[in-house]
Structure formats: structure tokens, C-alpha cells
Amino acid sequence: MKYLLKNTETYRGDTLTEVEKLRNEVEESNWYSVDSFTYAYKENKKTGENYYLVTIKKGITDEKETERYIKISYEIDA
């Protein structure tokens, strides 16, 4: 059996408000721990586009205590 121990996700947010909302959402979860939440302001000088790049590191399962099995799936919202 394979167990997912850690997961790193990277998101793009248009505003700092969106970044703060995402932080609140991930911190409310009870099926993983937030090991790290970082964001950086980015600016594309060619297009003038500004955004935030968010990186979240999640602890899913303790490697020594694998009594629960977590399966993560991703969906494309069309």
C-alpha cells in the first residue's frame, strides 16, 4: 500500500484578498496540517499584469502512523 505523506500545491491569486481567503480555507481543514503557507507578489513588466503566487505545503499522513488512507483527486472545472 502507498500512503500520501505530504503534498505541495501552487496557486495563482489576483488579489491579496484572494490569498487571505485561501489561507483561511486551508487552515480550517481537519484532514491535513498546513506545514507552510507562503506567497509572493509578481509583476509581468511586459504585460503590466500583477498577481500573487501562493505555495502551500500540507502534511497529509504521519509516516509512522498510517492507519488512515487519503486519496486526493483533481478535477478540471470547464
Protein backbone atom coordinates (compact mmCIF):
# COMPACT_ATOMS: atom_id res chain seq x y z
CA MET A 1 0.00 0.00 0.00
CA LYS A 2 1.22 3.52 -0.80
CA TYR A 3 0.40 6.38 1.57
CA LEU A 4 0.43 10.05 0.66
CA LEU A 5 2.56 11.77 3.31
CA LYS A 6 2.99 15.31 2.02
CA ASN A 7 1.68 17.49 -0.75
CA THR A 8 2.80 20.84 -2.20
CA GLU A 9 0.30 22.97 -4.11
CA THR A 10 0.93 26.20 -6.00
CA TYR A 11 -1.86 28.65 -6.79
CA ARG A 12 -2.15 31.98 -8.54
CA GLY A 13 -4.31 34.68 -7.00
CA ASP A 14 -5.22 38.04 -8.49
CA THR A 15 -5.53 39.96 -5.22
CA LEU A 16 -4.21 39.83 -1.67
CA THR A 17 -7.81 39.35 -0.53
CA GLU A 18 -7.97 36.11 -2.53
CA VAL A 19 -4.71 34.96 -0.96
CA GLU A 20 -6.05 35.64 2.55
CA LYS A 21 -9.29 33.81 1.75
CA LEU A 22 -7.32 30.79 0.51
CA ARG A 23 -5.22 30.82 3.69
CA ASN A 24 -8.37 30.77 5.84
CA GLU A 25 -9.82 27.89 3.79
CA VAL A 26 -6.75 25.66 4.11
CA GLU A 27 -6.28 26.37 7.81
CA GLU A 28 -9.88 25.25 8.52
CA SER A 29 -9.31 21.76 7.13
CA ASN A 30 -9.13 18.87 9.57
CA TRP A 31 -7.70 16.20 7.25
CA TYR A 32 -4.22 17.73 6.80
CA SER A 33 -1.84 20.10 8.56
CA VAL A 34 -0.54 23.27 6.95
CA ASP A 35 3.22 22.94 7.21
CA SER A 36 3.93 26.08 5.20
CA PHE A 37 1.94 28.86 3.52
CA THR A 38 3.91 31.40 1.50
CA TYR A 39 3.05 33.92 -1.17
CA ALA A 40 4.94 36.34 -3.37
CA TYR A 41 3.78 39.35 -5.37
CA LYS A 42 4.62 39.03 -9.06
CA GLU A 43 4.59 41.62 -11.81
CA ASN A 44 4.90 40.91 -15.51
CA LYS A 45 6.66 44.03 -16.81
CA LYS A 46 5.89 43.23 -20.43
CA THR A 47 2.12 42.97 -19.97
CA GLY A 48 1.72 45.03 -16.79
CA GLU A 49 -0.12 42.10 -15.20
CA ASN A 50 0.13 41.70 -11.41
CA TYR A 51 -0.69 38.61 -9.35
CA TYR A 52 0.29 36.58 -6.29
CA LEU A 53 1.95 33.17 -6.39
CA VAL A 54 0.91 31.04 -3.39
CA THR A 55 2.68 27.86 -2.25
CA ILE A 56 1.09 25.58 0.35
CA LYS A 57 2.87 22.58 1.87
CA LYS A 58 0.48 20.13 3.51
CA GLY A 59 1.21 17.26 5.86
CA ILE A 60 -1.27 14.51 4.99
CA THR A 61 -0.26 11.34 6.85
CA ASP A 62 2.40 10.77 9.50
CA GLU A 63 4.89 8.28 8.06
CA LYS A 64 4.88 6.26 11.31
CA GLU A 65 1.12 6.27 11.80
CA THR A 66 -0.53 5.13 8.59
CA GLU A 67 -3.88 4.00 9.98
CA ARG A 68 -5.80 6.25 7.60
CA TYR A 69 -5.72 6.26 3.83
CA ILE A 70 -6.15 9.55 1.95
CA LYS A 71 -6.83 9.68 -1.77
CA ILE A 72 -6.63 13.05 -3.49
CA SER A 73 -8.26 13.71 -6.83
CA TYR A 74 -8.21 16.75 -9.05
CA GLU A 75 -11.00 17.95 -11.30
CA ILE A 76 -10.99 20.36 -14.19
CA ASP A 77 -13.75 22.93 -13.95
CA ALA A 78 -14.74 23.70 -17.51
